[in-house]
Amino acid sequence: MTTGFHIIRGIIENLFLLFFLYRAVFFVAALVKKPEKYKARRAHRYALLICAKNEHAVLGKLIHSLQDMDYPKDRYSIFVVADNCSDSTADVARRAGVIVYERTDLNRRGKGYALRFLLRRIKADFGFNAYDGYAVFDADNLVHKKYLSEINKMFDNGCRIITPYRGSKNFASSWVSGCSSLWFMIKSGLLNCPRTLLSVGCPVSGTGFVMHRDIVKRIAGWKYFSLAENMEFSADQLLSGERAVYCPSAVVYDEQPVRFVDSWTQRMRWVKGYYQVSGKYGLKLLKYMFKGVFTCYDIGVTLAAGWLFIAGCVLTLVINSFEYGFGTPEYGVLIGHTIIRNIIIFYIIHLVYAIVTVVTDMKRIYCPPLRKLEYIILYPVFVFTYIPMAFLAPFMPARWLQVKHNISISTKELHKVQ
């Protein structure tokens, strides 16, 4: 009986790791396989969409970086929706010479509603067929000069949903912004890159992704309003037969929170959104997973990571109480050993991810060398803070809270930060 308990306990204690063991294959593929190279036969037309709520401090720099791209200027248009703004966001956009719409709706808050409004106005004024692809940005972004030309290479070769490399424009601001930046760089280079290399669909980034006009038509502009609308979009499109791909050479920089309290607020919203999306699409993803669609498994366990972690913790407590009795000294020692062992494993895994990312992406990380080392060491601690969020998020209200962006910097200024 004791041996049986040991086996069951071992499986349960490693349940979370077992569900994500396949990512070891991703890790190896990211290091040994090289991305496919594409060439474009023609320059497609794109609508570049910016949702902005009180973003006058940073919006101008994004627009300038979009206007400065090495892509034919007559082949893309920039649209801004000033969403429930009480500042000069709309005026900043108009002075920059882009197309501006203003939206006021205090009952429907969030990027999803702003994006739907913007796309419906484009449909009414221009028609969806005026553009081949639609790219979605946040107002705090910057783009590399080659962003659209690199996206176009994949788009012209039949890729219908494309997510870019997500860099940072304020990596060096604080340990919080540095670790948050590493989080997205790891998602890009060590998760989305090998997904595309292995023909596994990617979840799209909330920033800089592109979708084909046929998709925009099918979803009537936009229909995703959860707190993690990008993952909701990813899950729904996967179930509709679409597969998102990653473009490593299309670079978008965004601003990460500098203060821990702002990062906590932002990430708590995402975790809550993941719970929302897993509740809405979980059974459908499970159904297709059993039909052999591995991308459904990948996105499914990504969405359900919080639930899986909680389940593993509860089951570990239960099985240990059966074997040793709840509250006994042996029970306490076993739980203590389990926690310490898992913390060590957790730290080492995420430390390796951080080291590999900083080494391979060195030229894309704008930060003094010693700070890079500091953030590598602190990165596993930052990721560890997702654990209390997993327990708290189910009880948090489902509401969208904005994190203020104040770092106004150009791409030229960004490249000088070392």
Protein backbone atom coordinates (compact mmCIF):
# COMPACT_ATOMS: atom_id res chain seq x y z
CA MET A 1 0.00 0.00 0.00
CA THR A 2 2.83 2.36 0.91
CA THR A 3 4.49 1.71 -2.45
CA GLY A 4 1.20 2.49 -4.18
CA PHE A 5 0.94 5.78 -2.30
CA HIS A 6 4.53 6.62 -3.26
CA ILE A 7 3.77 6.06 -6.94
CA ILE A 8 0.53 8.04 -6.85
CA ARG A 9 2.14 10.83 -4.85
CA GLY A 10 5.06 11.02 -7.26
CA ILE A 11 2.72 11.35 -10.24
CA ILE A 12 0.59 14.01 -8.55
CA GLU A 13 3.56 16.00 -7.26
CA ASN A 14 4.93 16.14 -10.80
CA LEU A 15 1.57 16.60 -12.48
CA PHE A 16 2.22 20.18 -13.50
CA LEU A 17 5.64 19.33 -14.94
CA LEU A 18 4.24 16.32 -16.80
CA PHE A 19 1.61 18.41 -18.58
CA PHE A 20 4.30 20.82 -19.81
CA LEU A 21 7.08 18.30 -20.48
CA TYR A 22 6.57 18.65 -24.24
CA ARG A 23 8.06 22.14 -24.01
CA ALA A 24 11.48 20.52 -23.63
CA VAL A 25 11.10 19.60 -27.31
CA PHE A 26 10.25 23.24 -28.07
CA PHE A 27 13.37 24.34 -26.19
CA VAL A 28 15.65 22.04 -28.21
CA ALA A 29 13.98 22.98 -31.50
CA ALA A 30 14.47 26.69 -30.77
CA LEU A 31 18.20 26.11 -30.38
CA VAL A 32 18.89 23.73 -33.27
CA LYS A 33 16.37 24.60 -36.01
CA LYS A 34 16.46 27.75 -38.10
CA PRO A 35 13.34 29.63 -39.23
CA GLU A 36 12.25 29.28 -42.84
CA LYS A 37 13.05 32.26 -45.06
CA TYR A 38 10.34 33.82 -47.19
CA LYS A 39 10.26 36.18 -50.16
CA ALA A 40 7.34 38.38 -51.12
CA ARG A 41 6.16 38.78 -54.70
CA ARG A 42 4.06 41.87 -54.01
CA ALA A 43 3.38 44.45 -51.33
CA HIS A 44 -0.05 43.85 -49.80
CA ARG A 45 -2.22 46.60 -48.36
CA TYR A 46 -2.52 46.79 -44.57
CA ALA A 47 -4.64 48.64 -42.06
CA LEU A 48 -2.65 49.39 -38.91
CA LEU A 49 -5.00 49.66 -35.96
CA ILE A 50 -4.20 51.46 -32.70
CA CYS A 51 -6.50 51.39 -29.68
CA ALA A 52 -5.65 54.27 -27.33
CA LYS A 53 -7.18 55.39 -24.04
CA ASN A 54 -5.56 58.55 -22.63
CA GLU A 55 -2.26 57.75 -24.35
CA HIS A 56 -1.20 61.23 -25.52
CA ALA A 57 2.23 60.80 -23.87
CA VAL A 58 3.30 57.83 -26.01
CA LEU A 59 1.03 57.66 -29.05
CA GLY A 60 3.03 60.11 -31.19
CA LYS A 61 6.19 57.98 -31.02
CA LEU A 62 4.33 54.86 -32.18
CA ILE A 63 2.76 56.68 -35.11
CA HIS A 64 6.14 58.11 -36.12
CA SER A 65 7.75 54.66 -36.03
CA LEU A 66 4.94 53.28 -38.22
CA GLN A 67 5.30 56.13 -40.67
CA ASP A 68 9.07 55.59 -40.77
CA MET A 69 8.90 51.93 -41.87
CA ASP A 70 10.68 50.84 -45.06
CA TYR A 71 7.41 49.78 -46.68
CA PRO A 72 5.62 51.58 -49.54
CA LYS A 73 3.67 54.39 -47.88
CA ASP A 74 0.71 53.98 -50.23
CA ARG A 75 0.30 50.34 -49.18
CA TYR A 76 -0.76 50.92 -45.57
CA SER A 77 -3.01 53.23 -43.57
CA ILE A 78 -2.87 54.05 -39.86
CA PHE A 79 -6.09 54.18 -37.85
CA VAL A 80 -6.49 55.32 -34.24
CA VAL A 81 -9.52 54.89 -32.02
CA ALA A 82 -9.43 57.36 -29.11
CA ASP A 83 -11.39 55.27 -26.64
CA ASN A 84 -13.16 57.06 -23.78
CA CYS A 85 -10.38 59.63 -23.67
CA SER A 86 -10.24 62.68 -21.42
CA ASP A 87 -6.90 63.96 -22.73
CA SER A 88 -5.45 65.04 -26.09
CA THR A 89 -4.98 61.54 -27.55
CA ALA A 90 -7.22 62.27 -30.56
CA ASP A 91 -5.47 65.61 -31.23
CA VAL A 92 -2.03 63.97 -31.13
CA ALA A 93 -3.18 61.42 -33.72
CA ARG A 94 -4.75 64.05 -35.99
CA ARG A 95 -1.63 66.22 -35.92
CA ALA A 96 0.35 63.15 -36.98
CA GLY A 97 -1.85 62.86 -40.07
CA VAL A 98 -3.54 59.52 -39.40
CA ILE A 99 -7.23 58.57 -39.52
CA VAL A 100 -8.91 59.07 -36.14
CA TYR A 101 -12.21 57.92 -34.69
CA GLU A 102 -13.43 58.80 -31.21
CA ARG A 103 -15.47 56.42 -29.08
CA THR A 104 -17.39 57.14 -25.89
CA ASP A 105 -19.07 54.21 -24.15
CA LEU A 106 -18.58 53.97 -20.40
CA ASN A 107 -20.58 50.74 -20.17
CA ARG A 108 -18.37 48.74 -22.53
CA ARG A 109 -14.78 49.24 -21.51
CA GLY A 110 -11.69 47.50 -22.80
CA LYS A 111 -9.59 46.99 -25.89
CA GLY A 112 -11.96 44.44 -27.40
CA TYR A 113 -14.86 46.89 -27.60
CA ALA A 114 -12.61 49.65 -28.93
CA LEU A 115 -11.25 47.34 -31.63
CA ARG A 116 -14.74 46.26 -32.70
CA PHE A 117 -15.82 49.90 -32.94
CA LEU A 118 -12.76 50.80 -35.04
CA LEU A 119 -13.17 47.88 -37.44
CA ARG A 120 -16.85 48.61 -37.94
CA ARG A 121 -16.06 52.22 -38.79
CA ILE A 122 -13.43 51.06 -41.29
CA LYS A 123 -15.99 48.71 -42.85
CA ALA A 124 -18.53 51.53 -43.15
CA ASP A 125 -16.09 54.11 -44.56
CA PHE A 126 -13.73 51.99 -46.65
CA GLY A 127 -14.98 48.40 -46.73
CA PHE A 128 -13.01 45.44 -45.41
CA ASN A 129 -11.77 44.66 -48.92
CA ALA A 130 -9.77 47.90 -48.99
CA TYR A 131 -7.02 46.07 -47.09
CA ASP A 132 -5.55 42.59 -47.32
CA GLY A 133 -4.41 42.41 -43.71
CA TYR A 134 -5.13 44.11 -40.40
CA ALA A 135 -2.45 44.68 -37.73
CA VAL A 136 -3.36 45.47 -34.12
CA PHE A 137 -1.19 47.64 -31.85
CA ASP A 138 -1.24 49.12 -28.38
CA ALA A 139 -0.49 52.83 -28.10
CA ASP A 140 2.71 52.29 -26.08
CA ASN A 141 4.35 50.25 -28.88
CA LEU A 142 7.20 51.03 -31.23
CA VAL A 143 8.03 49.06 -34.37
CA HIS A 144 11.27 48.24 -36.13
CA LYS A 145 11.70 49.77 -39.58
CA LYS A 146 11.39 46.37 -41.23
CA TYR A 147 8.34 45.24 -39.25
CA LEU A 148 5.82 45.40 -42.08
CA SER A 149 8.16 44.27 -44.86
CA GLU A 150 8.99 41.15 -42.82
CA ILE A 151 5.33 40.50 -42.01
CA ASN A 152 4.49 40.87 -45.69
CA LYS A 153 6.93 38.11 -46.67
CA MET A 154 5.01 35.56 -44.62
CA PHE A 155 1.62 37.05 -45.44
CA ASP A 156 2.33 36.83 -49.18
CA ASN A 157 3.18 33.14 -48.75
CA GLY A 158 -0.24 32.27 -47.36
CA CYS A 159 0.16 32.92 -43.62
CA ARG A 160 -3.17 34.33 -42.43
CA ILE A 161 -2.44 35.07 -38.77
CA ILE A 162 1.06 36.28 -37.87
CA THR A 163 2.44 37.23 -34.46
CA PRO A 164 5.74 39.15 -34.18
CA TYR A 165 8.75 39.15 -31.90
CA ARG A 166 7.88 41.12 -28.80
CA GLY A 167 10.74 43.22 -27.51
CA SER A 168 10.87 45.95 -24.87
CA LYS A 169 11.43 49.67 -25.03
CA ASN A 170 12.15 49.97 -21.29
CA PHE A 171 14.02 46.80 -20.33
CA ALA A 172 16.38 48.77 -18.06
CA SER A 173 13.77 50.82 -16.16
CA SER A 174 13.52 48.48 -13.15
CA TRP A 175 13.80 44.80 -12.22
CA VAL A 176 10.04 44.56 -12.80
CA SER A 177 10.17 45.91 -16.35
CA GLY A 178 13.28 43.82 -17.06
CA CYS A 179 11.69 40.58 -15.87
CA SER A 180 8.39 41.37 -17.57
CA SER A 181 10.30 42.01 -20.80
CA LEU A 182 12.08 38.68 -20.45
CA TRP A 183 8.69 36.97 -20.03
CA PHE A 184 7.59 38.10 -23.49
CA MET A 185 10.96 37.52 -25.12
CA ILE A 186 10.93 33.95 -23.84
CA LYS A 187 7.41 33.50 -25.20
CA SER A 188 8.63 34.73 -28.57
CA GLY A 189 11.97 32.98 -28.94
CA LEU A 190 11.58 29.77 -26.93
CA LEU A 191 7.86 29.08 -27.36
CA ASN A 192 6.35 30.71 -30.45
CA CYS A 193 9.45 30.25 -32.59
CA PRO A 194 9.66 26.46 -32.09
CA ARG A 195 5.89 26.18 -32.42
CA THR A 196 6.14 27.55 -35.95
CA LEU A 197 9.26 25.49 -36.68
CA LEU A 198 7.35 22.34 -35.67
CA SER A 199 4.09 23.38 -37.42
CA VAL A 200 2.27 23.94 -34.13
CA GLY A 201 -0.08 26.93 -34.06
CA CYS A 202 0.89 29.93 -31.91
CA PRO A 203 -1.23 31.93 -29.50
CA VAL A 204 -1.01 35.50 -30.78
CA SER A 205 0.60 38.30 -28.89
CA GLY A 206 -1.74 41.11 -27.90
CA THR A 207 0.58 43.48 -29.74
CA GLY A 208 1.48 43.75 -33.40
CA PHE A 209 -0.29 40.63 -34.67
CA VAL A 210 -1.75 40.57 -38.20
CA MET A 211 -4.91 38.86 -39.43
CA HIS A 212 -6.18 38.30 -42.96
CA ARG A 213 -9.23 40.28 -44.07
CA ASP A 214 -11.20 37.03 -44.53
CA ILE A 215 -10.86 36.46 -40.80
CA VAL A 216 -11.93 40.03 -40.03
CA LYS A 217 -15.03 39.49 -42.17
CA ARG A 218 -15.85 36.17 -40.54
CA ILE A 219 -15.73 37.56 -37.02
CA ALA A 220 -17.70 40.66 -38.05
CA GLY A 221 -14.77 42.89 -37.20
CA TRP A 222 -14.09 41.64 -33.66
CA LYS A 223 -16.03 39.58 -31.13
CA TYR A 224 -13.62 38.94 -28.25
CA PHE A 225 -14.19 40.84 -25.02
CA SER A 226 -12.62 38.77 -22.23
CA LEU A 227 -9.74 40.07 -20.12
CA ALA A 228 -7.38 38.05 -22.37
CA GLU A 229 -8.88 38.85 -25.75
CA ASN A 230 -5.74 37.78 -27.63
CA MET A 231 -5.95 34.24 -26.19
CA GLU A 232 -9.70 34.16 -26.82
CA PHE A 233 -9.01 35.10 -30.44
CA SER A 234 -6.29 32.43 -30.65
CA ALA A 235 -8.51 29.66 -29.27
CA ASP A 236 -11.48 30.56 -31.44
CA GLN A 237 -9.43 30.82 -34.63
CA LEU A 238 -7.73 27.51 -33.93
CA LEU A 239 -11.13 25.85 -33.57
CA SER A 240 -12.15 27.51 -36.85
CA GLY A 241 -9.26 25.87 -38.65
CA GLU A 242 -6.75 28.71 -38.65
CA ARG A 243 -3.13 28.37 -37.49
CA ALA A 244 -1.17 31.39 -36.31
CA VAL A 245 2.54 31.57 -37.12
CA TYR A 246 5.45 33.48 -35.63
CA CYS A 247 7.61 35.97 -37.54
CA PRO A 248 10.94 36.37 -35.68
CA SER A 249 12.18 39.19 -37.91
CA ALA A 250 9.13 41.44 -37.37
CA VAL A 251 9.91 43.31 -34.15
CA VAL A 252 7.50 45.23 -31.94
CA TYR A 253 8.64 46.94 -28.75
CA ASP A 254 6.24 47.70 -25.93
CA GLU A 255 6.40 49.37 -22.54
CA GLN A 256 6.46 47.14 -19.48
CA PRO A 257 5.30 48.23 -16.02
CA VAL A 258 8.05 49.75 -13.89
CA ARG A 259 6.37 49.28 -10.50
CA PHE A 260 5.50 45.87 -9.10
CA VAL A 261 1.98 46.99 -8.15
CA ASP A 262 1.26 47.91 -11.79
CA SER A 263 2.69 44.62 -13.03
CA TRP A 264 0.58 42.74 -10.48
CA THR A 265 -2.59 44.54 -11.64
CA GLN A 266 -1.81 43.86 -15.29
CA ARG A 267 -0.93 40.21 -14.84
CA MET A 268 -3.84 39.53 -12.51
CA ARG A 269 -6.11 40.73 -15.31
CA TRP A 270 -4.43 38.32 -17.74
CA VAL A 271 -4.69 35.37 -15.34
CA LYS A 272 -8.37 36.12 -14.79
CA GLY A 273 -8.76 36.34 -18.55
CA TYR A 274 -7.11 32.94 -19.01
CA TYR A 275 -9.66 31.45 -16.61
CA GLN A 276 -12.46 33.08 -18.61
CA VAL A 277 -11.18 31.74 -21.92
CA SER A 278 -10.46 28.23 -20.59
CA GLY A 279 -14.02 28.10 -19.24
CA LYS A 280 -15.43 29.17 -22.61
CA TYR A 281 -13.29 27.04 -24.94
CA GLY A 282 -11.81 24.32 -22.71
CA LEU A 283 -14.21 21.50 -23.63
CA LYS A 284 -13.98 22.26 -27.35
CA LEU A 285 -10.17 22.27 -27.19
CA LEU A 286 -10.27 18.99 -25.27
CA LYS A 287 -12.49 17.46 -27.95
CA TYR A 288 -10.10 18.36 -30.76
CA MET A 289 -7.11 17.37 -28.64
CA PHE A 290 -8.42 13.80 -28.56
CA LYS A 291 -8.78 14.00 -32.33
CA GLY A 292 -5.02 14.47 -32.54
CA VAL A 293 -4.77 18.27 -32.91
CA PHE A 294 -1.69 18.96 -30.79
CA THR A 295 -2.08 22.74 -30.99
CA CYS A 296 -5.35 22.33 -29.09
CA TYR A 297 -3.45 20.55 -26.33
CA ASP A 298 -0.75 23.24 -26.28
CA ILE A 299 -3.17 26.17 -26.06
CA GLY A 300 -5.47 24.22 -23.77
CA VAL A 301 -2.84 23.53 -21.10
CA THR A 302 -1.51 27.09 -21.46
CA LEU A 303 -4.97 28.44 -20.67
CA ALA A 304 -5.56 25.92 -17.89
CA ALA A 305 -2.13 26.30 -16.23
CA GLY A 306 -3.67 27.91 -13.15
CA TRP A 307 -6.30 25.19 -12.75
CA LEU A 308 -3.69 22.46 -13.24
CA PHE A 309 -1.43 23.96 -10.61
CA ILE A 310 -4.25 24.29 -8.07
CA ALA A 311 -5.40 20.74 -8.78
CA GLY A 312 -1.87 19.42 -8.29
CA CYS A 313 -1.52 21.21 -4.94
CA VAL A 314 -4.88 19.99 -3.64
CA LEU A 315 -4.32 16.40 -4.75
CA THR A 316 -0.85 16.38 -3.18
CA LEU A 317 -2.29 17.52 0.16
CA VAL A 318 -5.03 14.91 -0.01
CA ILE A 319 -2.85 11.93 -0.94
CA ASN A 320 -0.27 12.82 1.71
CA SER A 321 -2.97 13.07 4.36
CA PHE A 322 -4.19 9.56 3.43
CA GLU A 323 -0.71 8.13 3.82
CA TYR A 324 0.54 9.99 6.90
CA GLY A 325 -2.51 11.61 8.44
CA PHE A 326 -3.30 15.31 8.15
CA GLY A 327 -1.30 17.49 10.55
CA THR A 328 1.17 14.82 11.72
CA PRO A 329 4.91 15.64 11.91
CA GLU A 330 5.59 13.24 9.02
CA TYR A 331 2.95 15.03 6.95
CA GLY A 332 4.53 18.40 7.64
CA VAL A 333 8.02 17.21 6.77
CA LEU A 334 6.84 15.63 3.51
CA ILE A 335 4.96 18.76 2.44
CA GLY A 336 7.99 20.89 3.32
CA HIS A 337 10.33 18.69 1.26
CA THR A 338 7.90 18.74 -1.68
CA ILE A 339 7.64 22.54 -1.64
CA ILE A 340 11.41 23.06 -1.40
CA ARG A 341 12.12 20.53 -4.18
CA ASN A 342 9.56 22.10 -6.50
CA ILE A 343 10.81 25.63 -5.80
CA ILE A 344 14.35 24.55 -6.73
CA ILE A 345 13.16 22.85 -9.94
CA PHE A 346 10.98 25.86 -10.78
CA TYR A 347 13.88 28.28 -10.23
CA ILE A 348 16.36 26.29 -12.32
CA ILE A 349 13.96 25.87 -15.26
CA HIS A 350 13.14 29.56 -15.47
CA LEU A 351 16.75 30.58 -14.84
CA VAL A 352 17.81 28.52 -17.85
CA TYR A 353 15.08 30.12 -19.97
CA ALA A 354 16.29 33.59 -18.92
CA ILE A 355 19.97 32.82 -19.57
CA VAL A 356 19.34 31.37 -23.03
CA THR A 357 17.08 34.28 -23.99
CA VAL A 358 19.52 36.97 -22.89
CA VAL A 359 22.41 35.23 -24.66
CA THR A 360 20.55 34.62 -27.93
CA ASP A 361 18.71 37.98 -27.97
CA MET A 362 21.61 40.08 -26.73
CA LYS A 363 21.39 42.56 -29.61
CA ARG A 364 17.67 43.10 -29.05
CA ILE A 365 17.95 43.84 -25.33
CA TYR A 366 18.70 47.48 -24.68
CA CYS A 367 20.12 47.46 -21.17
CA PRO A 368 23.52 47.74 -19.39
CA PRO A 369 25.25 44.33 -18.96
CA LEU A 370 25.13 44.23 -15.15
CA ARG A 371 21.39 44.84 -15.16
CA LYS A 372 20.92 41.98 -17.59
CA LEU A 373 22.65 39.72 -15.08
CA GLU A 374 20.50 41.08 -12.24
CA TYR A 375 17.29 40.45 -14.17
CA ILE A 376 18.36 36.92 -15.11
CA ILE A 377 18.76 36.09 -11.43
CA LEU A 378 15.45 37.73 -10.46
CA TYR A 379 13.41 36.41 -13.36
CA PRO A 380 12.38 33.10 -11.67
CA VAL A 381 11.25 35.13 -8.63
CA PHE A 382 9.10 37.29 -10.91
CA VAL A 383 7.51 34.21 -12.51
CA PHE A 384 6.96 32.71 -9.05
CA THR A 385 4.55 35.60 -8.28
CA TYR A 386 2.12 34.04 -10.76
CA ILE A 387 1.48 31.30 -8.19
CA PRO A 388 -0.56 33.41 -5.74
CA MET A 389 -2.33 34.93 -8.74
CA ALA A 390 -3.49 31.44 -9.76
CA PHE A 391 -5.24 31.07 -6.41
CA LEU A 392 -6.58 34.64 -6.18
CA ALA A 393 -7.74 35.26 -9.76
CA PRO A 394 -10.89 33.06 -9.65
CA PHE A 395 -12.23 35.29 -6.88
CA MET A 396 -11.30 38.63 -8.46
CA PRO A 397 -13.92 40.75 -10.28
CA ALA A 398 -13.75 40.55 -14.07
CA ARG A 399 -12.93 44.14 -14.92
CA TRP A 400 -10.48 45.90 -17.20
CA LEU A 401 -8.01 48.24 -15.46
CA GLN A 402 -5.61 50.38 -17.46
CA VAL A 403 -1.90 50.59 -16.68
CA LYS A 404 -0.55 54.06 -17.46
CA HIS A 405 2.22 54.45 -20.04
CA ASN A 406 4.61 57.37 -19.74
CA ILE A 407 7.85 56.37 -21.46
CA SER A 408 8.04 58.44 -24.63
CA ILE A 409 11.04 57.25 -26.61
CA SER A 410 11.80 56.80 -30.31
CA THR A 411 13.35 53.73 -31.90
CA LYS A 412 16.57 55.68 -32.49
CA GLU A 413 16.73 56.65 -28.81
CA LEU A 414 15.93 53.06 -27.82
CA HIS A 415 18.93 51.69 -29.73
CA LYS A 416 21.25 53.98 -27.76
CA VAL A 417 20.24 52.49 -24.39
CA GLN A 418 23.11 50.21 -23.30
